[in-house]
């Protein structure tokens, strides 16, 4: 076998065999496949399809390209993954909430990809936090705090680690097959007993239509359940940012407002929805309604805030971060409002355009080697259906320079449409998919 023949087969729209995909995944992991060949492979898959069997074979091959974790814990090990959106900081609330309900949550997360923010980048905007830990330390953290949000080590799905970075810079992020294999290779390597997938749909998601989101949710649940992990998916709306802020430190600030009772945003509703499904699948709650109520209770009575603080301290963050979080998060040099140029109603928000605006500000990566500025981004973003007057703030820009802020202001105005008639806000939850 060799990389060229596998790529050529894909170019002819022929599905590689399981053995060929295992070989290619191992080549990604050990360097036997070059960057050029990996990029060509990703593009060929993106332009065609591996099919259900090939998708499952690539997923398991990428999982088995490195270590598969094992646990000796006195409760169910569960996890969640989002397919990516803007203002999506659910993991930072959900992981400690699940732990507070009696589960263990080893959440292996990623960095920013395309126009979407990365959970690890958000956490690392907190001074001292490191998201790279080995399994022994991860197990210690889980026993102490119940949850940890960490990056995949070099030994966890190394084939995915290599391909993930290449997808980000070769415009191959949106492939159904590659998204499925990337998500599940890491998630299944953590050996969860139950998993919930938050499949985003809308202008700020990779999947723009409900049909595409349903296809992805089905592919993910079928593949994960076939691998022996009880998995459900929830299709949720991403036609506007979930939190009213985009950018790493700014999204952490929104999380802290929720955890400390300063805000009650759609972030809470999505967290409760996903948590309710997951607690049910893990056998902790009788049904999704009861699970949802448990999640809401532990968020609102302050227990999740306390556990989040312990989680951050365990990975090097400030010991008293929850009590004094505002003094620790970095602030941008330039902060200015973007105002509406006419009165009306917010009818549409281009979430992808807003996400790319944050990337341009320095809050995301355009190439793999880019260093992120954790302070930049957008806050105070209006929501669909909101009535605005001329001069009403549409968002607040946080930038490192005045010229960058001016460019961002023009992009924000272009991304937020204002019309003469009111429109209804989109539903946050569209449907659930279980096997």
Protein backbone atom coordinates (compact mmCIF):
# COMPACT_ATOMS: atom_id res chain seq x y z
CA UNK A 1 0.00 0.00 0.00
CA UNK A 2 1.05 3.59 -0.56
CA UNK A 3 -0.53 7.02 -0.08
CA UNK A 4 -0.65 7.86 -3.79
CA UNK A 5 -2.76 4.84 -4.72
CA UNK A 6 -5.22 5.55 -1.88
CA UNK A 7 -5.53 9.22 -2.90
CA UNK A 8 -5.97 8.20 -6.55
CA UNK A 9 -8.75 5.80 -5.58
CA UNK A 10 -10.54 8.59 -3.71
CA UNK A 11 -10.11 10.91 -6.69
CA UNK A 12 -11.89 8.31 -8.82
CA UNK A 13 -14.70 8.31 -6.21
CA UNK A 14 -13.85 4.77 -5.12
CA UNK A 15 -13.96 3.95 -1.39
CA UNK A 16 -10.66 2.71 0.05
CA UNK A 17 -10.74 -0.58 1.92
CA UNK A 18 -10.63 -0.72 5.72
CA UNK A 19 -7.04 -1.97 5.55
CA UNK A 20 -6.06 0.97 3.34
CA UNK A 21 -7.62 3.46 5.75
CA UNK A 22 -5.90 1.80 8.71
CA UNK A 23 -2.61 2.09 6.81
CA UNK A 24 -3.22 5.75 5.98
CA UNK A 25 -4.17 6.62 9.56
CA UNK A 26 -1.01 4.98 10.83
CA UNK A 27 0.97 6.93 8.25
CA UNK A 28 -0.56 10.15 9.55
CA UNK A 29 0.46 9.15 13.07
CA UNK A 30 4.04 8.02 12.39
CA UNK A 31 4.99 10.40 9.58
CA UNK A 32 4.83 7.85 6.80
CA UNK A 33 2.34 10.14 5.05
CA UNK A 34 3.62 13.60 4.08
CA UNK A 35 1.77 16.88 4.71
CA UNK A 36 1.12 17.18 0.97
CA UNK A 37 -0.37 13.69 0.85
CA UNK A 38 -2.46 14.37 3.97
CA UNK A 39 -3.82 17.56 2.39
CA UNK A 40 -4.59 15.75 -0.88
CA UNK A 41 -6.34 12.98 1.07
CA UNK A 42 -8.45 15.51 2.97
CA UNK A 43 -9.41 17.34 -0.23
CA UNK A 44 -10.27 14.08 -2.03
CA UNK A 45 -12.50 12.96 0.85
CA UNK A 46 -14.09 16.42 0.96
CA UNK A 47 -14.89 16.26 -2.75
CA UNK A 48 -16.35 12.75 -2.54
CA UNK A 49 -17.41 10.34 0.20
CA UNK A 50 -16.01 7.39 2.12
CA UNK A 51 -19.46 5.90 2.66
CA UNK A 52 -20.78 4.64 6.01
CA UNK A 53 -18.39 1.69 6.24
CA UNK A 54 -15.37 3.75 5.21
CA UNK A 55 -16.31 6.51 7.65
CA UNK A 56 -16.49 4.02 10.52
CA UNK A 57 -13.24 2.38 9.44
CA UNK A 58 -11.40 5.71 9.32
CA UNK A 59 -12.83 6.70 12.72
CA UNK A 60 -11.68 3.52 14.44
CA UNK A 61 -8.33 3.54 12.63
CA UNK A 62 -7.67 7.09 13.83
CA UNK A 63 -8.77 6.18 17.36
CA UNK A 64 -6.45 3.17 17.38
CA UNK A 65 -3.50 5.15 16.00
CA UNK A 66 -2.66 5.98 19.63
CA UNK A 67 -3.64 5.20 23.21
CA UNK A 68 -7.18 4.24 24.21
CA UNK A 69 -7.75 5.33 27.82
CA UNK A 70 -9.10 3.12 30.58
CA UNK A 71 -10.65 4.20 33.87
CA UNK A 72 -11.01 2.89 37.41
CA UNK A 73 -13.66 5.26 38.74
CA UNK A 74 -16.76 4.75 40.89
CA UNK A 75 -19.26 6.33 38.49
CA UNK A 76 -20.13 6.59 34.81
CA UNK A 77 -17.66 8.28 32.48
CA UNK A 78 -19.53 10.59 30.09
CA UNK A 79 -18.70 13.26 27.56
CA UNK A 80 -20.09 15.87 25.16
CA UNK A 81 -18.91 17.37 21.92
CA UNK A 82 -20.09 20.31 19.83
CA UNK A 83 -19.61 20.39 16.08
CA UNK A 84 -18.64 24.03 16.36
CA UNK A 85 -20.31 27.39 16.34
CA UNK A 86 -19.80 30.96 17.49
CA UNK A 87 -20.22 32.06 21.09
CA UNK A 88 -20.43 28.38 22.02
CA UNK A 89 -18.93 28.03 25.49
CA UNK A 90 -21.33 25.30 26.69
CA UNK A 91 -18.53 22.89 27.64
CA UNK A 92 -17.27 25.24 30.34
CA UNK A 93 -20.65 25.09 32.06
CA UNK A 94 -21.70 21.55 31.22
CA UNK A 95 -18.59 19.65 32.33
CA UNK A 96 -18.70 20.83 35.97
CA UNK A 97 -22.51 20.53 36.00
CA UNK A 98 -22.34 16.86 34.98
CA UNK A 99 -19.67 16.22 37.59
CA UNK A 100 -21.86 17.84 40.23
CA UNK A 101 -24.57 15.35 39.26
CA UNK A 102 -22.33 12.35 39.94
CA UNK A 103 -20.59 11.66 36.64
CA UNK A 104 -16.94 11.76 35.63
CA UNK A 105 -16.20 13.94 32.62
CA UNK A 106 -12.81 13.62 30.87
CA UNK A 107 -13.58 16.12 28.11
CA UNK A 108 -10.91 16.04 25.41
CA UNK A 109 -11.41 19.25 23.46
CA UNK A 110 -9.85 21.10 20.55
CA UNK A 111 -8.65 24.51 19.49
CA UNK A 112 -10.21 27.03 17.15
CA UNK A 113 -11.05 25.66 13.71
CA UNK A 114 -12.07 27.93 10.85
CA UNK A 115 -14.45 30.63 12.07
CA UNK A 116 -15.32 28.81 15.31
CA UNK A 117 -13.64 29.26 18.67
CA UNK A 118 -11.80 26.48 20.49
CA UNK A 119 -12.61 25.39 24.04
CA UNK A 120 -8.93 24.99 24.91
CA UNK A 121 -8.12 28.50 23.67
CA UNK A 122 -10.92 29.88 25.83
CA UNK A 123 -9.68 28.13 28.96
CA UNK A 124 -6.10 29.20 28.34
CA UNK A 125 -7.19 32.85 28.46
CA UNK A 126 -7.33 32.25 32.23
CA UNK A 127 -3.83 32.96 33.62
CA UNK A 128 -1.85 29.85 34.53
CA UNK A 129 -4.23 27.31 32.99
CA UNK A 130 -2.60 24.50 31.05
CA UNK A 131 -4.77 22.07 29.10
CA UNK A 132 -2.09 19.49 28.30
CA UNK A 133 -1.88 16.76 30.94
CA UNK A 134 -0.97 13.07 30.85
CA UNK A 135 -3.41 10.29 31.72
CA UNK A 136 -2.09 9.77 35.24
CA UNK A 137 -2.61 13.44 36.08
CA UNK A 138 -5.96 13.45 34.26
CA UNK A 139 -7.13 10.55 36.41
CA UNK A 140 -6.03 12.42 39.57
CA UNK A 141 -7.96 15.51 38.49
CA UNK A 142 -11.07 13.46 37.74
CA UNK A 143 -10.98 11.79 41.16
CA UNK A 144 -10.61 15.18 42.83
CA UNK A 145 -12.96 17.39 40.79
CA UNK A 146 -15.05 15.00 38.68
CA UNK A 147 -14.34 16.84 35.42
CA UNK A 148 -11.43 18.05 33.35
CA UNK A 149 -11.31 19.81 29.99
CA UNK A 150 -8.00 18.99 28.34
CA UNK A 151 -6.33 18.68 24.98
CA UNK A 152 -5.49 15.41 23.35
CA UNK A 153 -1.95 14.36 24.21
CA UNK A 154 0.41 13.26 21.46
CA UNK A 155 -0.65 9.70 22.28
CA UNK A 156 -4.40 10.30 21.84
CA UNK A 157 -5.56 9.83 18.24
CA UNK A 158 -2.29 11.18 16.78
CA UNK A 159 -3.62 10.62 13.27
CA UNK A 160 -6.43 13.07 13.99
CA UNK A 161 -4.10 15.62 15.58
CA UNK A 162 -2.15 15.75 12.33
CA UNK A 163 -5.14 15.78 10.00
CA UNK A 164 -7.07 18.29 12.15
CA UNK A 165 -4.38 20.94 11.72
CA UNK A 166 -4.14 20.32 7.99
CA UNK A 167 -7.93 20.59 7.52
CA UNK A 168 -7.91 24.02 9.13
CA UNK A 169 -5.57 25.47 6.48
CA UNK A 170 -6.75 23.56 3.39
CA UNK A 171 -10.49 24.49 3.37
CA UNK A 172 -11.55 20.91 4.11
CA UNK A 173 -13.18 21.49 7.48
CA UNK A 174 -16.76 20.86 6.29
CA UNK A 175 -16.43 17.22 5.12
CA UNK A 176 -19.02 14.97 6.80
CA UNK A 177 -16.62 12.03 6.82
CA UNK A 178 -13.68 13.99 8.22
CA UNK A 179 -15.77 15.74 10.86
CA UNK A 180 -17.18 12.39 12.03
CA UNK A 181 -13.79 10.68 12.15
CA UNK A 182 -12.13 13.64 13.85
CA UNK A 183 -14.74 14.04 16.57
CA UNK A 184 -15.20 10.39 17.37
CA UNK A 185 -11.58 9.26 17.15
CA UNK A 186 -10.75 11.54 20.08
CA UNK A 187 -13.98 10.98 21.95
CA UNK A 188 -13.91 7.19 21.68
CA UNK A 189 -10.23 7.16 22.70
CA UNK A 190 -11.42 8.46 26.08
CA UNK A 191 -13.65 5.36 26.46
CA UNK A 192 -16.86 7.09 27.61
CA UNK A 193 -19.88 5.09 28.72
CA UNK A 194 -22.21 7.68 27.15
CA UNK A 195 -21.77 10.59 24.79
CA UNK A 196 -23.97 13.45 23.57
CA UNK A 197 -23.26 15.37 20.37
CA UNK A 198 -24.35 18.99 20.03
CA UNK A 199 -24.79 19.31 16.27
CA UNK A 200 -25.04 22.97 15.33
CA UNK A 201 -27.05 24.27 12.38
CA UNK A 202 -27.29 27.76 10.93
CA UNK A 203 -25.25 30.72 9.77
CA UNK A 204 -22.60 30.33 12.47
CA UNK A 205 -22.21 26.55 12.07
CA UNK A 206 -20.39 24.38 9.56
CA UNK A 207 -23.75 22.81 8.72
CA UNK A 208 -25.97 25.54 7.29
CA UNK A 209 -29.17 23.51 6.74
CA UNK A 210 -31.20 21.19 8.94
CA UNK A 211 -30.81 18.45 6.32
CA UNK A 212 -27.00 18.59 6.50
CA UNK A 213 -27.08 18.77 10.30
CA UNK A 214 -29.34 15.73 10.42
CA UNK A 215 -26.96 13.81 8.15
CA UNK A 216 -24.03 14.64 10.42
CA UNK A 217 -25.96 13.79 13.60
CA UNK A 218 -27.00 10.46 12.09
CA UNK A 219 -23.45 9.65 10.95
CA UNK A 220 -22.06 10.47 14.39
CA UNK A 221 -24.62 8.50 16.37
CA UNK A 222 -24.50 5.48 14.06
CA UNK A 223 -20.71 5.33 14.14
CA UNK A 224 -20.38 5.86 17.91
CA UNK A 225 -23.12 3.40 18.83
CA UNK A 226 -21.61 0.81 16.51
CA UNK A 227 -18.36 1.25 18.44
CA UNK A 228 -20.16 0.41 21.70
CA UNK A 229 -20.68 3.90 23.15
CA UNK A 230 -24.26 4.88 23.91
CA UNK A 231 -24.64 8.11 21.96
CA UNK A 232 -27.38 10.64 21.24
CA UNK A 233 -27.32 13.88 19.27
CA UNK A 234 -29.19 17.14 19.72
CA UNK A 235 -29.48 19.52 16.78
CA UNK A 236 -29.29 23.07 18.13
CA UNK A 237 -29.54 26.47 16.54
CA UNK A 238 -26.55 28.52 15.47
CA UNK A 239 -28.23 31.23 13.40
CA UNK A 240 -26.83 33.68 15.92
CA UNK A 241 -24.10 33.47 18.57
CA UNK A 242 -25.14 31.34 21.52
CA UNK A 243 -23.50 33.66 24.05
CA UNK A 244 -23.58 37.43 23.43
CA UNK A 245 -19.79 37.45 23.07
CA UNK A 246 -17.17 36.00 20.72
CA UNK A 247 -13.52 35.74 21.67
CA UNK A 248 -11.66 33.69 24.22
CA UNK A 249 -11.56 35.79 27.41
CA UNK A 250 -14.88 37.43 26.54
CA UNK A 251 -16.63 34.05 26.35
CA UNK A 252 -15.09 32.99 29.66
CA UNK A 253 -16.53 36.19 31.13
CA UNK A 254 -19.99 35.20 29.88
CA UNK A 255 -19.59 31.77 31.48
CA UNK A 256 -18.66 33.34 34.79
CA UNK A 257 -21.70 35.63 34.65
CA UNK A 258 -23.91 32.58 34.21
CA UNK A 259 -22.21 30.58 36.97
CA UNK A 260 -22.33 33.44 39.46
CA UNK A 261 -25.96 34.32 38.76
CA UNK A 262 -25.29 37.60 36.94
CA UNK A 263 -26.87 36.40 33.67
CA UNK A 264 -29.43 33.85 32.51
CA UNK A 265 -28.76 33.40 28.78
CA UNK A 266 -29.52 30.77 26.11
CA UNK A 267 -26.26 29.20 27.23
CA UNK A 268 -28.10 27.83 30.28
CA UNK A 269 -30.94 26.37 28.22
CA UNK A 270 -28.63 24.50 25.82
CA UNK A 271 -26.50 23.24 28.71
CA UNK A 272 -29.57 21.87 30.47
CA UNK A 273 -30.89 20.26 27.27
CA UNK A 274 -27.64 18.44 26.52
CA UNK A 275 -27.06 17.55 30.15
CA UNK A 276 -30.54 16.12 30.52
CA UNK A 277 -30.06 13.78 27.54
CA UNK A 278 -26.62 12.70 28.72
CA UNK A 279 -27.63 12.06 32.34
CA UNK A 280 -30.47 9.88 31.04
CA UNK A 281 -28.21 7.87 28.72
CA UNK A 282 -25.75 7.40 31.60
CA UNK A 283 -28.47 6.10 33.93
CA UNK A 284 -28.18 9.01 36.37
CA UNK A 285 -31.57 10.56 35.54
CA UNK A 286 -34.88 8.78 34.90
CA UNK A 287 -35.56 10.80 31.75
CA UNK A 288 -34.38 13.91 29.92
CA UNK A 289 -36.83 16.17 31.76
CA UNK A 290 -35.53 15.04 35.15
CA UNK A 291 -31.95 15.34 33.95
CA UNK A 292 -32.56 18.82 32.69
CA UNK A 293 -34.00 19.85 36.07
CA UNK A 294 -30.92 18.48 37.87
CA UNK A 295 -28.60 20.49 35.63
CA UNK A 296 -30.60 23.70 36.15
CA UNK A 297 -30.60 23.18 39.91
CA UNK A 298 -26.84 22.76 40.30
CA UNK A 299 -26.12 25.77 38.07
CA UNK A 300 -28.50 28.10 39.87
CA UNK A 301 -27.57 27.16 43.43
CA UNK A 302 -23.88 27.93 42.87
CA UNK A 303 -22.50 24.39 43.08
CA UNK A 304 -21.30 24.41 39.47
CA UNK A 305 -19.41 27.67 40.03
CA UNK A 306 -17.58 26.14 42.98
CA UNK A 307 -16.70 23.02 41.00
CA UNK A 308 -15.55 25.08 38.02
CA UNK A 309 -13.18 26.92 40.35
CA UNK A 310 -11.74 23.62 41.56
CA UNK A 311 -11.33 22.47 37.96
CA UNK A 312 -9.37 25.59 37.06
CA UNK A 313 -7.16 25.40 40.13
CA UNK A 314 -6.36 21.76 39.28
CA UNK A 315 -4.91 22.81 35.91
CA UNK A 316 -2.92 25.77 37.19
CA UNK A 317 -5.52 28.54 37.28
CA UNK A 318 -5.95 31.07 40.11
CA UNK A 319 -7.23 29.46 43.32
CA UNK A 320 -9.87 32.16 43.86
CA UNK A 321 -10.77 32.68 40.20
CA UNK A 322 -14.55 32.32 40.69
CA UNK A 323 -14.69 35.00 43.37
CA UNK A 324 -12.53 37.55 41.50
CA UNK A 325 -12.62 36.39 37.87
CA UNK A 326 -12.86 39.89 36.31
CA UNK A 327 -9.44 40.94 37.59
CA UNK A 328 -7.73 37.94 36.00
CA UNK A 329 -9.05 38.02 32.43
CA UNK A 330 -7.04 40.06 29.88
CA UNK A 331 -8.53 43.24 28.40
CA UNK A 332 -8.05 44.64 24.91
CA UNK A 333 -6.34 47.99 24.25
CA UNK A 334 -9.22 49.36 22.16
CA UNK A 335 -12.86 48.95 23.19
CA UNK A 336 -15.59 50.67 21.16
CA UNK A 337 -19.24 50.26 20.25
CA UNK A 338 -20.63 49.50 16.80
CA UNK A 339 -24.00 51.24 16.49
CA UNK A 340 -27.00 50.76 14.23
CA UNK A 341 -27.19 53.20 11.34
CA UNK A 342 -30.98 52.99 11.15
CA UNK A 343 -33.94 51.95 13.30
CA UNK A 344 -35.71 48.62 12.89
CA UNK A 345 -35.51 45.01 14.01
CA UNK A 346 -32.60 42.58 13.90
CA UNK A 347 -33.74 40.09 11.28
CA UNK A 348 -30.60 38.09 10.55
CA UNK A 349 -27.09 37.58 11.89
CA UNK A 350 -24.29 36.06 9.82
CA UNK A 351 -22.55 34.09 12.55
CA UNK A 352 -19.75 32.89 10.29
CA UNK A 353 -18.93 36.46 9.31
CA UNK A 354 -18.79 37.46 12.97
CA UNK A 355 -16.52 34.51 13.72
CA UNK A 356 -14.19 35.46 10.89
CA UNK A 357 -14.16 39.03 12.20
CA UNK A 358 -12.80 37.72 15.50
CA UNK A 359 -10.17 35.71 13.62
CA UNK A 360 -9.14 38.91 11.79
CA UNK A 361 -8.88 40.70 15.13
CA UNK A 362 -6.39 38.04 16.25
CA UNK A 363 -8.76 35.89 18.29
CA UNK A 364 -8.37 32.87 16.00
CA UNK A 365 -5.84 31.31 13.64
CA UNK A 366 -5.41 31.92 9.93
CA UNK A 367 -2.40 29.57 9.80
CA UNK A 368 -1.36 26.88 12.27
CA UNK A 369 1.51 28.93 13.75
CA UNK A 370 -0.61 32.01 14.59
CA UNK A 371 -0.54 33.09 18.24
CA UNK A 372 -4.00 33.99 19.56
CA UNK A 373 -4.72 37.25 21.36
CA UNK A 374 -7.11 36.11 24.13
CA UNK A 375 -8.43 39.62 24.84
CA UNK A 376 -9.89 40.51 21.43
CA UNK A 377 -13.37 39.79 20.12
CA UNK A 378 -16.94 41.05 20.30
CA UNK A 379 -19.29 41.46 23.24
CA UNK A 380 -22.82 42.75 23.82
CA UNK A 381 -24.03 41.30 20.52
CA UNK A 382 -27.70 41.92 19.77
CA UNK A 383 -30.08 39.02 19.13
CA UNK A 384 -32.49 38.23 16.33
CA UNK A 385 -35.87 39.85 16.92
CA UNK A 386 -34.45 42.70 18.99
CA UNK A 387 -35.75 46.22 18.26
CA UNK A 388 -33.04 48.82 17.71
CA UNK A 389 -32.99 52.57 17.20
CA UNK A 390 -30.47 54.51 15.19
CA UNK A 391 -27.38 54.66 17.38
CA UNK A 392 -28.26 51.53 19.40
CA UNK A 393 -25.13 49.43 20.04
CA UNK A 394 -25.09 46.27 17.90
CA UNK A 395 -21.91 44.97 19.53
CA UNK A 396 -18.80 46.12 21.34
CA UNK A 397 -15.45 45.58 19.61
CA UNK A 398 -12.38 44.59 21.62
CA UNK A 399 -9.25 45.10 19.50
CA UNK A 400 -5.53 45.56 19.86
CA UNK A 401 -5.37 48.53 17.47
CA UNK A 402 -7.64 51.32 16.22
CA UNK A 403 -7.32 50.27 12.55
CA UNK A 404 -8.33 46.71 13.40
CA UNK A 405 -11.35 48.04 15.30
CA UNK A 406 -12.44 50.13 12.30
CA UNK A 407 -12.28 47.11 9.97
CA UNK A 408 -14.18 45.02 12.49
CA UNK A 409 -16.91 47.67 12.80
CA UNK A 410 -17.60 47.54 9.07
CA UNK A 411 -17.70 43.73 9.16
CA UNK A 412 -20.11 43.68 12.11
CA UNK A 413 -22.51 46.10 10.40
CA UNK A 414 -22.40 43.89 7.31
CA UNK A 415 -23.13 40.77 9.34
CA UNK A 416 -26.16 42.09 11.26
CA UNK A 417 -29.21 42.80 9.12
CA UNK A 418 -31.86 45.27 10.25
CA UNK A 419 -35.32 45.24 8.69
CA UNK A 420 -38.54 47.19 9.14
CA UNK A 421 -40.64 44.33 10.53
CA UNK A 422 -40.17 42.18 13.66
CA UNK A 423 -39.19 38.53 13.28
CA UNK A 424 -39.39 35.64 15.72
CA UNK A 425 -36.22 34.39 17.31
CA UNK A 426 -35.28 30.88 16.11
CA UNK A 427 -35.86 27.92 18.40
CA UNK A 428 -32.72 26.92 20.30
CA UNK A 429 -33.36 23.16 20.01
CA UNK A 430 -34.50 21.65 16.72
CA UNK A 431 -34.54 17.88 17.35
CA UNK A 432 -32.95 14.91 19.10
CA UNK A 433 -31.49 11.87 17.37
CA UNK A 434 -30.90 8.61 19.23
CA UNK A 435 -30.17 5.09 18.08
